[in-house]
Protein backbone atom coordinates (compact mmCIF):
# COMPACT_ATOMS: atom_id res chain seq x y z
CA MET A 1 -14.16 -66.17 -65.77
CA LYS A 2 -12.01 -68.87 -67.67
CA LYS A 3 -13.81 -71.51 -69.49
CA GLU A 4 -13.04 -74.33 -68.13
CA SER A 5 -10.88 -76.58 -70.42
CA SER A 6 -11.75 -79.92 -72.36
CA ILE A 7 -8.45 -80.99 -72.45
CA ILE A 8 -6.90 -83.78 -70.73
CA TYR A 9 -3.54 -83.70 -69.94
CA ARG A 10 -0.90 -86.58 -69.92
CA THR A 11 2.15 -84.61 -70.04
CA VAL A 12 2.98 -84.88 -66.83
CA SER A 13 6.87 -85.06 -66.53
CA ASP A 14 7.91 -84.61 -63.33
CA VAL A 15 6.61 -85.46 -59.69
CA SER A 16 8.50 -84.03 -56.64
CA GLY A 17 7.30 -83.80 -53.56
CA PRO A 18 4.03 -82.04 -53.53
CA LEU A 19 4.45 -80.64 -56.76
CA LEU A 20 3.34 -81.96 -60.41
CA ILE A 21 4.88 -80.99 -63.20
CA ILE A 22 2.86 -80.52 -66.50
CA ASP A 23 4.35 -79.89 -69.99
CA HIS A 24 2.97 -78.65 -73.40
CA THR A 25 0.01 -76.55 -71.14
CA HIS A 26 -2.57 -73.71 -72.89
CA ASP A 27 -4.22 -71.07 -71.24
CA VAL A 28 -3.69 -72.11 -68.16
CA ALA A 29 -3.76 -69.27 -65.24
CA TYR A 30 -2.27 -68.78 -62.03
CA ASN A 31 -4.24 -70.41 -58.80
CA GLU A 32 -6.65 -72.58 -61.38
CA VAL A 33 -7.80 -75.58 -59.77
CA VAL A 34 -6.91 -78.88 -61.26
CA LYS A 35 -8.44 -82.35 -61.35
CA ILE A 36 -5.72 -85.12 -61.31
CA ARG A 37 -6.61 -88.81 -61.84
CA ALA A 38 -4.23 -90.89 -60.17
CA PRO A 39 -3.03 -94.36 -61.63
CA ASN A 40 -5.50 -96.17 -59.11
CA ARG A 41 -8.23 -93.91 -60.46
CA ASP A 42 -8.69 -91.34 -57.57
CA LEU A 43 -9.56 -87.93 -58.29
CA LEU A 44 -6.98 -85.88 -56.87
CA THR A 45 -7.16 -81.95 -56.79
CA GLY A 46 -4.35 -79.30 -56.97
CA THR A 47 -3.79 -75.52 -57.64
CA VAL A 48 -1.27 -73.84 -60.13
CA LEU A 49 1.92 -72.60 -58.53
CA GLU A 50 3.59 -71.21 -61.52
CA THR A 51 2.65 -71.37 -65.09
CA GLY A 52 4.41 -69.91 -68.67
CA ARG A 53 6.47 -71.12 -71.42
CA GLY A 54 4.11 -74.21 -71.85
CA ARG A 55 4.73 -75.50 -68.67
CA ALA A 56 2.58 -75.37 -65.17
CA VAL A 57 3.76 -76.58 -61.73
CA ILE A 58 0.78 -77.69 -59.51
CA GLN A 59 0.62 -78.47 -55.56
CA VAL A 60 -1.50 -81.85 -55.37
CA PHE A 61 -3.81 -81.27 -51.91
CA GLU A 62 -4.01 -84.49 -51.34
CA GLY A 63 -0.10 -85.15 -51.81
CA THR A 64 1.87 -86.93 -55.03
CA SER A 65 2.07 -90.61 -53.35
CA GLY A 66 1.53 -93.02 -55.90
CA LEU A 67 1.29 -90.69 -58.71
CA ASP A 68 3.00 -92.01 -62.05
CA ALA A 69 4.46 -89.49 -64.61
CA GLU A 70 3.25 -91.86 -67.19
CA VAL A 71 -0.08 -92.75 -66.55
CA THR A 72 -1.21 -89.59 -64.49
CA SER A 73 -3.52 -87.60 -66.41
CA ALA A 74 -4.63 -83.76 -65.38
CA ARG A 75 -7.42 -81.28 -66.41
CA PHE A 76 -7.91 -77.33 -65.55
CA THR A 77 -11.12 -76.38 -64.72
CA GLY A 78 -10.92 -72.58 -65.47
CA GLU A 79 -11.80 -71.58 -61.95
CA THR A 80 -9.94 -70.64 -58.50
CA MET A 81 -10.60 -72.87 -55.53
CA LYS A 82 -14.13 -71.51 -53.68
CA LEU A 83 -15.38 -71.98 -50.60
CA PRO A 84 -19.06 -72.36 -50.24
CA VAL A 85 -20.50 -69.65 -47.56
CA SER A 86 -23.51 -69.04 -45.85
CA THR A 87 -24.20 -68.35 -41.92
CA GLU A 88 -24.91 -72.12 -41.35
CA ILE A 89 -20.95 -72.52 -41.47
CA LEU A 90 -21.06 -71.31 -38.17
CA GLY A 91 -21.17 -74.24 -35.73
CA ARG A 92 -19.74 -76.27 -38.39
CA VAL A 93 -16.22 -78.28 -37.84
CA LEU A 94 -14.33 -78.32 -41.19
CA ASP A 95 -10.98 -79.63 -42.47
CA GLY A 96 -8.52 -77.16 -43.69
CA ALA A 97 -10.30 -77.18 -47.26
CA GLY A 98 -13.59 -76.66 -46.01
CA ASN A 99 -15.05 -80.05 -46.46
CA PRO A 100 -17.19 -81.25 -43.29
CA LEU A 101 -15.14 -82.90 -40.36
CA ASP A 102 -18.26 -83.39 -37.93
CA LYS A 103 -20.20 -85.63 -40.26
CA GLY A 104 -23.16 -82.43 -40.82
CA PRO A 105 -24.35 -82.50 -44.47
CA PRO A 106 -22.24 -80.36 -46.62
CA LEU A 107 -21.94 -76.74 -47.11
CA THR A 108 -25.06 -74.82 -47.79
CA ALA A 109 -24.04 -72.49 -50.05
CA GLU A 110 -25.53 -69.04 -50.70
CA ASP A 111 -22.59 -68.36 -52.77
CA HIS A 112 -19.18 -69.28 -53.58
CA TRP A 113 -16.07 -67.19 -52.98
CA ASP A 114 -12.55 -67.65 -54.23
CA ILE A 115 -10.91 -68.23 -51.17
CA TYR A 116 -7.59 -66.12 -52.21
CA GLY A 117 -9.90 -62.94 -51.66
CA SER A 118 -9.19 -59.50 -52.77
CA PRO A 119 -6.80 -56.76 -50.73
CA ILE A 120 -8.35 -54.14 -49.12
CA ASN A 121 -8.46 -50.82 -50.62
CA PRO A 122 -6.67 -48.73 -48.25
CA TYR A 123 -8.94 -45.66 -48.95
CA ALA A 124 -11.74 -47.78 -48.13
CA ARG A 125 -10.24 -48.86 -44.55
CA GLN A 126 -11.37 -47.39 -41.40
CA TYR A 127 -8.99 -47.10 -38.51
CA PRO A 128 -9.74 -49.80 -35.88
CA ARG A 129 -11.59 -49.10 -32.79
CA GLN A 130 -14.45 -50.40 -29.98
CA PRO A 131 -12.54 -53.19 -28.18
CA ILE A 132 -13.41 -56.95 -27.87
CA GLN A 133 -13.66 -58.50 -24.38
CA THR A 134 -11.45 -61.66 -24.44
CA GLY A 135 -12.31 -62.44 -20.70
CA LEU A 136 -8.43 -62.26 -19.65
CA SER A 137 -7.31 -59.69 -17.71
CA VAL A 138 -3.79 -59.55 -18.99
CA ILE A 139 -4.89 -59.21 -22.16
CA ASP A 140 -8.44 -57.03 -21.61
CA GLY A 141 -6.59 -54.78 -19.06
CA LEU A 142 -3.21 -54.26 -20.44
CA ASN A 143 -3.38 -54.60 -24.39
CA THR A 144 -6.90 -54.55 -24.85
CA LEU A 145 -7.90 -56.17 -28.30
CA VAL A 146 -9.77 -53.60 -30.61
CA ARG A 147 -12.01 -54.56 -33.62
CA GLY A 148 -10.14 -54.42 -36.78
CA GLN A 149 -6.87 -55.08 -35.28
CA LYS A 150 -4.16 -58.14 -36.07
CA LEU A 151 -2.81 -58.61 -32.28
CA PRO A 152 -0.72 -61.76 -32.36
CA ILE A 153 0.39 -64.14 -30.07
CA PHE A 154 3.85 -64.84 -29.86
CA SER A 155 4.18 -68.20 -27.59
CA GLY A 156 6.91 -71.11 -27.80
CA SER A 157 7.21 -74.99 -27.84
CA GLY A 158 5.81 -76.47 -24.55
CA LEU A 159 3.68 -73.47 -23.47
CA PRO A 160 0.48 -73.49 -23.05
CA HIS A 161 -0.92 -71.44 -26.37
CA ASN A 162 -3.56 -73.66 -27.15
CA ARG A 163 -5.23 -73.65 -24.23
CA ILE A 164 -5.21 -69.71 -23.88
CA ALA A 165 -6.40 -70.20 -27.81
CA ALA A 166 -9.36 -72.14 -26.68
CA GLN A 167 -10.28 -70.14 -23.60
CA ILE A 168 -10.51 -67.15 -25.58
CA VAL A 169 -12.78 -68.54 -28.01
CA ARG A 170 -15.11 -69.58 -25.28
CA GLN A 171 -15.15 -66.32 -23.75
CA ALA A 172 -14.58 -63.60 -26.30
CA LYS A 173 -17.50 -61.43 -26.83
CA ILE A 174 -18.47 -58.00 -27.56
CA PRO A 175 -20.65 -56.46 -24.11
CA GLY A 176 -24.03 -55.80 -25.46
CA GLU A 177 -23.62 -57.18 -28.72
CA GLU A 178 -23.15 -60.46 -28.44
CA GLY A 179 -25.75 -61.57 -31.05
CA ASP A 180 -23.36 -59.70 -33.84
CA PHE A 181 -20.13 -61.87 -32.96
CA ALA A 182 -18.71 -64.87 -33.81
CA ILE A 183 -15.48 -66.86 -34.04
CA VAL A 184 -13.85 -68.47 -36.72
CA PHE A 185 -10.76 -70.90 -35.86
CA GLY A 186 -8.42 -71.94 -38.18
CA ALA A 187 -5.58 -74.46 -36.83
CA MET A 188 -2.87 -76.02 -38.81
CA GLY A 189 -0.60 -78.86 -38.41
CA ILE A 190 -1.88 -80.24 -34.55
CA THR A 191 -2.44 -83.38 -33.76
CA ALA A 192 -5.62 -85.42 -33.55
CA THR A 193 -5.38 -85.17 -29.89
CA GLU A 194 -5.26 -81.30 -29.89
CA ALA A 195 -8.06 -81.17 -32.54
CA GLN A 196 -10.31 -83.12 -30.13
CA TYR A 197 -9.39 -81.15 -27.28
CA PHE A 198 -10.72 -78.05 -28.97
CA ILE A 199 -13.95 -79.55 -30.42
CA SER A 200 -14.75 -80.99 -27.15
CA SER A 201 -14.13 -77.66 -25.31
CA PHE A 202 -16.28 -75.68 -27.26
CA GLU A 203 -19.12 -78.55 -27.56
CA GLU A 204 -19.15 -78.49 -23.57
CA THR A 205 -19.40 -74.62 -23.30
CA GLY A 206 -21.46 -73.72 -26.35
CA ALA A 207 -19.09 -71.86 -27.83
CA LEU A 208 -19.41 -73.76 -31.19
CA GLU A 209 -22.69 -72.23 -31.97
CA HIS A 210 -21.09 -69.07 -32.59
CA THR A 211 -17.79 -70.71 -33.87
CA THR A 212 -16.70 -72.21 -37.35
CA LEU A 213 -13.56 -74.48 -36.89
CA PHE A 214 -10.91 -75.06 -39.68
CA LEU A 215 -9.00 -77.99 -38.57
CA ASN A 216 -5.84 -79.47 -40.84
CA LEU A 217 -4.24 -82.17 -38.32
CA ALA A 218 -0.31 -82.70 -38.51
CA ASN A 219 -1.13 -86.25 -40.68
CA ASP A 220 -2.96 -84.06 -43.57
CA PRO A 221 -1.16 -83.20 -46.10
CA ALA A 222 1.12 -79.92 -45.67
CA ILE A 223 0.07 -78.61 -48.52
CA GLU A 224 -3.31 -78.40 -47.26
CA ARG A 225 -1.94 -75.93 -44.61
CA ILE A 226 -1.13 -73.45 -47.39
CA ILE A 227 -5.18 -72.75 -48.01
CA THR A 228 -6.38 -73.59 -44.16
CA PRO A 229 -6.01 -69.71 -43.08
CA ARG A 230 -7.51 -68.60 -46.65
CA ALA A 231 -10.54 -70.59 -46.23
CA ALA A 232 -10.87 -69.34 -42.73
CA LEU A 233 -10.44 -65.77 -43.42
CA THR A 234 -12.72 -66.14 -46.78
CA ALA A 235 -15.73 -67.73 -44.54
CA ALA A 236 -14.71 -64.37 -42.02
CA GLU A 237 -15.21 -61.97 -44.65
CA TYR A 238 -18.61 -63.34 -45.72
CA LEU A 239 -20.00 -63.34 -42.36
CA ALA A 240 -18.12 -60.00 -41.71
CA TYR A 241 -19.12 -58.19 -44.56
CA GLU A 242 -22.46 -59.82 -46.25
CA SER A 243 -24.04 -60.83 -42.26
CA ASP A 244 -22.98 -57.53 -40.96
CA MET A 245 -21.15 -59.98 -38.02
CA HIS A 246 -18.14 -58.62 -36.02
CA VAL A 247 -15.95 -61.59 -36.33
CA LEU A 248 -12.82 -62.70 -34.17
CA VAL A 249 -10.15 -64.87 -36.56
CA ILE A 250 -7.64 -66.94 -34.27
CA LEU A 251 -5.39 -68.78 -36.55
CA THR A 252 -2.88 -71.46 -34.73
CA ASP A 253 0.15 -72.08 -35.73
CA MET A 254 1.44 -69.81 -38.16
CA THR A 255 4.49 -71.24 -37.56
CA ASN A 256 3.38 -74.67 -39.05
CA TYR A 257 1.93 -72.75 -42.05
CA ALA A 258 5.22 -71.32 -42.32
CA GLU A 259 7.13 -74.63 -42.34
CA ALA A 260 4.89 -75.59 -45.28
CA LEU A 261 5.46 -72.59 -47.43
CA ARG A 262 9.51 -73.73 -47.09
CA GLU A 263 8.91 -77.09 -48.21
CA ILE A 264 6.93 -76.20 -51.30
CA SER A 265 9.76 -73.48 -51.69
CA ALA A 266 12.31 -75.68 -51.26
CA ALA A 267 10.66 -78.52 -54.10
CA ARG A 268 10.21 -75.63 -56.33
CA SER A 269 14.29 -75.65 -56.01
CA GLU A 270 13.76 -71.80 -55.04
CA ILE A 271 16.55 -69.78 -53.85
CA PRO A 272 16.19 -69.87 -49.80
CA GLY A 273 15.94 -66.59 -48.11
CA ARG A 274 16.76 -66.48 -44.29
CA ARG A 275 16.82 -69.82 -42.54
CA GLY A 276 15.85 -71.60 -45.82
CA TYR A 277 12.76 -69.96 -45.64
CA PRO A 278 11.33 -68.22 -49.61
CA GLY A 279 12.29 -64.91 -49.79
CA TYR A 280 8.62 -64.09 -50.49
CA LEU A 281 7.43 -65.03 -46.86
CA TYR A 282 7.01 -61.26 -45.76
CA THR A 283 4.69 -60.72 -48.92
CA ASP A 284 2.62 -64.26 -48.24
CA LEU A 285 1.88 -63.53 -44.76
CA SER A 286 0.85 -59.89 -45.18
CA LEU A 287 -1.72 -61.57 -47.63
CA ILE A 288 -3.33 -63.49 -44.73
CA TYR A 289 -3.01 -60.51 -41.90
CA GLU A 290 -4.01 -57.92 -43.99
CA ARG A 291 -7.14 -59.19 -44.53
CA ALA A 292 -8.27 -57.98 -41.09
CA GLY A 293 -9.75 -54.93 -40.37
CA ARG A 294 -13.01 -52.36 -41.17
CA ILE A 295 -14.36 -51.04 -44.38
CA LYS A 296 -16.44 -47.79 -44.91
CA GLY A 297 -19.96 -48.50 -45.13
CA ARG A 298 -19.86 -52.04 -43.77
CA LYS A 299 -21.12 -52.60 -40.36
CA GLY A 300 -19.49 -56.07 -39.59
CA THR A 301 -15.25 -56.19 -38.69
CA ILE A 302 -13.00 -58.51 -38.75
CA THR A 303 -9.89 -58.95 -36.15
CA GLN A 304 -7.21 -61.52 -35.98
CA MET A 305 -5.22 -63.24 -33.72
CA PRO A 306 -2.46 -65.43 -35.30
CA ILE A 307 -0.57 -67.53 -32.74
CA LEU A 308 2.92 -68.32 -33.75
CA SER A 309 5.51 -70.77 -31.68
CA MET A 310 8.82 -69.14 -31.89
CA PRO A 311 11.53 -71.93 -32.33
CA GLN A 312 13.88 -71.78 -29.50
CA ASP A 313 11.81 -68.75 -28.09
CA ASP A 314 13.82 -66.51 -30.44
CA MET A 315 11.55 -63.35 -31.34
CA THR A 316 14.44 -62.46 -34.14
CA HIS A 317 13.44 -65.66 -35.94
CA PRO A 318 11.72 -64.77 -39.21
CA ILE A 319 8.36 -65.90 -38.40
CA PRO A 320 7.94 -63.75 -35.15
CA ASP A 321 9.94 -60.86 -36.92
CA LEU A 322 7.96 -60.51 -40.09
CA THR A 323 4.78 -61.14 -38.22
CA GLY A 324 6.16 -58.31 -35.98
CA TYR A 325 6.25 -55.93 -38.80
CA ILE A 326 2.79 -56.22 -40.30
CA THR A 327 0.85 -56.22 -36.81
CA GLU A 328 -0.26 -53.83 -34.67
CA GLY A 329 1.49 -55.35 -31.57
CA GLN A 330 2.07 -58.42 -29.92
CA THR A 331 1.23 -60.60 -27.12
CA ILE A 332 4.05 -62.61 -25.37
CA VAL A 333 3.43 -65.97 -23.42
CA GLY A 334 6.29 -66.13 -21.01
CA ARG A 335 8.45 -68.95 -20.20
CA ALA A 336 9.58 -67.64 -16.89
CA LEU A 337 5.68 -67.19 -15.84
CA HIS A 338 5.04 -70.67 -16.85
CA ARG A 339 7.61 -72.17 -14.82
CA ARG A 340 5.99 -70.12 -11.60
CA GLY A 341 2.67 -72.08 -12.19
CA ILE A 342 0.94 -68.72 -13.51
CA TYR A 343 -1.50 -69.11 -15.89
CA PRO A 344 -2.40 -67.30 -18.43
CA PRO A 345 1.26 -66.73 -18.59
CA ILE A 346 1.43 -63.60 -20.80
CA ASP A 347 4.10 -61.31 -20.00
CA PRO A 348 3.16 -57.79 -19.80
CA GLY A 349 6.38 -56.37 -20.15
CA PRO A 350 7.18 -56.67 -23.87
CA SER A 351 3.48 -57.32 -24.74
CA LEU A 352 2.07 -54.23 -26.73
CA SER A 353 -1.37 -53.43 -28.22
CA ARG A 354 -0.62 -50.11 -30.62
CA LEU A 355 -4.26 -49.35 -30.86
CA MET A 356 -5.27 -49.94 -27.59
CA LYS A 357 -6.12 -46.31 -27.31
CA GLU A 358 -9.01 -46.54 -29.70
CA GLY A 359 -10.78 -49.15 -27.97
CA ILE A 360 -10.61 -48.16 -24.21
CA GLY A 361 -11.97 -44.99 -21.94
CA GLU A 362 -15.36 -43.60 -21.38
CA GLY A 363 -18.70 -45.80 -23.22
CA MET A 364 -15.89 -48.03 -24.52
CA THR A 365 -14.66 -49.91 -21.54
CA ARG A 366 -14.04 -47.56 -18.45
CA PHE A 367 -13.18 -43.89 -18.16
CA ASP A 368 -10.28 -44.80 -15.62
CA HIS A 369 -9.05 -47.65 -17.74
CA ARG A 370 -5.90 -45.87 -19.38
CA GLU A 371 -5.07 -44.59 -16.09
CA VAL A 372 -5.22 -48.08 -14.37
CA GLN A 373 -3.30 -49.58 -17.40
CA ALA A 374 -0.26 -46.84 -16.85
CA GLN A 375 -0.14 -47.20 -13.20
CA LEU A 376 -0.31 -51.24 -13.34
CA TYR A 377 2.53 -51.33 -15.80
CA TYR A 378 4.60 -48.60 -13.79
CA GLY A 379 4.35 -50.92 -10.35
CA TYR A 380 4.72 -53.86 -12.00
CA SER A 381 8.14 -52.96 -13.90
CA GLU A 382 9.41 -51.06 -10.41
CA GLY A 383 8.47 -54.60 -8.49
CA ARG A 384 10.53 -56.80 -11.58
CA ASP A 385 13.61 -54.33 -11.10
CA LEU A 386 13.39 -54.65 -7.45
CA ARG A 387 13.60 -58.62 -7.43
CA ASP A 388 16.84 -58.48 -9.85
CA LEU A 389 18.28 -56.25 -7.10
CA VAL A 390 17.18 -58.62 -3.90
CA ALA A 391 19.05 -61.57 -5.86
CA VAL A 392 22.46 -59.14 -5.55
CA VAL A 393 21.64 -57.32 -2.01
CA GLY A 394 18.97 -59.53 -0.45
CA SER A 395 15.75 -58.43 0.97
CA GLU A 396 16.79 -56.71 4.29
CA ALA A 397 18.51 -53.64 2.19
CA LEU A 398 15.19 -52.97 0.68
CA THR A 399 12.99 -50.20 2.10
CA ASP A 400 9.50 -49.87 3.32
CA ARG A 401 8.34 -48.20 -0.18
CA ASP A 402 10.94 -50.92 -1.99
CA GLN A 403 8.93 -54.02 -0.06
CA LYS A 404 5.69 -52.55 -1.23
CA TYR A 405 6.50 -52.81 -4.62
CA LEU A 406 8.27 -56.36 -4.19
CA LYS A 407 5.15 -57.55 -2.59
CA PHE A 408 3.03 -55.47 -5.17
CA ALA A 409 4.64 -57.63 -8.27
CA ASP A 410 4.20 -61.21 -6.83
CA ARG A 411 0.34 -59.95 -5.87
CA PHE A 412 0.08 -58.74 -9.34
CA GLU A 413 1.11 -62.23 -11.18
CA GLU A 414 -0.82 -63.90 -8.92
CA GLU A 415 -4.13 -62.16 -8.82
CA PHE A 416 -4.30 -60.06 -12.01
CA ILE A 417 -2.12 -61.70 -14.73
CA GLY A 418 -3.18 -65.37 -12.89
CA GLN A 419 -6.65 -66.77 -13.39
CA GLY A 420 -8.76 -69.46 -13.96
CA GLU A 421 -8.76 -71.32 -17.25
CA PHE A 422 -12.64 -70.98 -17.32
CA GLU A 423 -12.88 -67.92 -15.66
CA ASN A 424 -14.01 -65.16 -17.46
CA ARG A 425 -14.03 -61.35 -16.24
CA SER A 426 -15.29 -58.21 -17.69
CA PHE A 427 -13.99 -55.14 -18.24
CA GLU A 428 -15.09 -53.82 -15.27
CA GLN A 429 -13.98 -56.63 -13.14
CA THR A 430 -10.38 -56.60 -14.15
CA LEU A 431 -10.55 -53.14 -13.77
CA ASP A 432 -11.67 -53.55 -10.03
CA ILE A 433 -8.90 -56.01 -9.39
CA GLY A 434 -6.48 -53.62 -10.66
CA TRP A 435 -7.65 -50.95 -8.00
CA ASN A 436 -7.89 -53.47 -5.25
CA LEU A 437 -3.88 -54.51 -6.21
CA LEU A 438 -2.99 -50.61 -6.30
CA SER A 439 -4.17 -50.18 -2.75
CA GLU A 440 -1.07 -51.64 -1.60
CA PHE A 441 0.51 -47.95 -2.54
CA PRO A 442 -0.76 -44.48 -0.78
CA GLU A 443 -1.92 -41.83 -3.01
CA ARG A 444 1.01 -40.07 -3.13
CA GLU A 445 2.58 -43.26 -5.48
CA LEU A 446 -0.42 -43.04 -7.77
CA LYS A 447 1.11 -40.52 -10.14
CA ARG A 448 0.24 -41.63 -13.22
CA CYS A 449 -3.82 -41.58 -12.04
CA ASP A 450 -5.73 -38.16 -12.09
CA PRO A 451 -6.46 -36.84 -8.30
CA GLU A 452 -10.01 -36.96 -9.40
CA THR A 453 -10.16 -40.53 -10.63
CA ILE A 454 -8.53 -41.43 -7.22
CA VAL A 455 -11.31 -39.66 -5.14
CA TRP A 456 -14.21 -41.70 -7.53
CA ALA A 457 -12.54 -44.99 -6.85
CA LYS A 458 -12.42 -44.12 -3.07
CA GLU A 459 -15.99 -42.98 -3.48
CA HIS A 460 -16.86 -46.37 -5.04
CA GLY A 461 -14.56 -48.49 -2.76
CA ALA A 462 -12.37 -49.71 -5.32
CA TYR A 463 -9.37 -48.10 -4.03
CA LYS A 464 -8.98 -48.45 -0.49
CA PRO A 465 -5.29 -47.72 1.15
CA SER A 466 -4.43 -49.11 4.23
């Protein structure tokens, strides 16, 4: 560990946006914490973004408003930014830097962990396995979330991704292991109204007891958004790897995070990449996403559900595009379903969980899960295709078989995708709803289900063809 410097620098040469430039520095390290004395005697905090040739570029978390290059001073602490960690972090509401917002006492520290973490050794990684139940049929039934997975939610402006995120926090659990499950929720650039909604929702339902909230508001310094997901993941790593808990990390909205990154990049006069974002956006996002996973010899796991709003619903935008390369699937919030009044408007068509096969089946969800999922997907895709045909030739031209698939698609959206905002469904309930919908079809249409599975479904009253 580098020793704290006793040198006080009064060699500030420039103040640019959220950045402070100090000349004639000596023995300064990347990510080192800096204490800055403002002209009004307030003490501000920053970290070193760039150092070399006797110059240090510092990002100031509180912003640089009111700083005067001639009278501002700084001292380098010799340490990187650390978060006080302990199991008492659960049930707390913190700002983006980890300071209490809930009028509670300062965090009790069993240790202090570097918020930038350490990359997981690929050799030490274990393949993600076992499911997490979100209580949402469209996720649990069709694109199951697996422990150790990174499964982002792609949304758009005006869509209810915050309501979906809050519902997942309220309902998510590991059946039979509830005591070992925790949630870390990191919000970046949200409004005060949204923050109050999250806090009230979790308090009223008791979800806050096993949740830690990190809230960076829209009127907070944009620079704080850079450390919010890192602080949240540091808390998750402590709970997972020191307290043997299974932790679900929800980060919203990663688009606000990337915008803050672009703002800093512009202030540093860096050469922009696609749409003005820095060329290292992929690397930066991967440093966040890759902190999820399972490690050999450790009971605890970290699962991530980052949420990002796609500008103009464009999946080729750099943020969703690069996120898709790093993560293992995507959950798409569909505008067409939202317009039809379906909640949650998650479109199963383009949604995908690449690791679903590792989290379903006998001993995890139910033995018939894979077959039910495949048959539901087939039926819904057939029904959606027929909707397009009806728009051209009319419903009178459809056969009886086609009419069944058209009816199935409507019921599927209303009864399987659609559910109440406070309706929590188990894996069993989700699969039973799927069989009930498949009862629209005679047995000969269930070509993706094993005949023995169909017999079992009949015997248990799940499949009742008319």
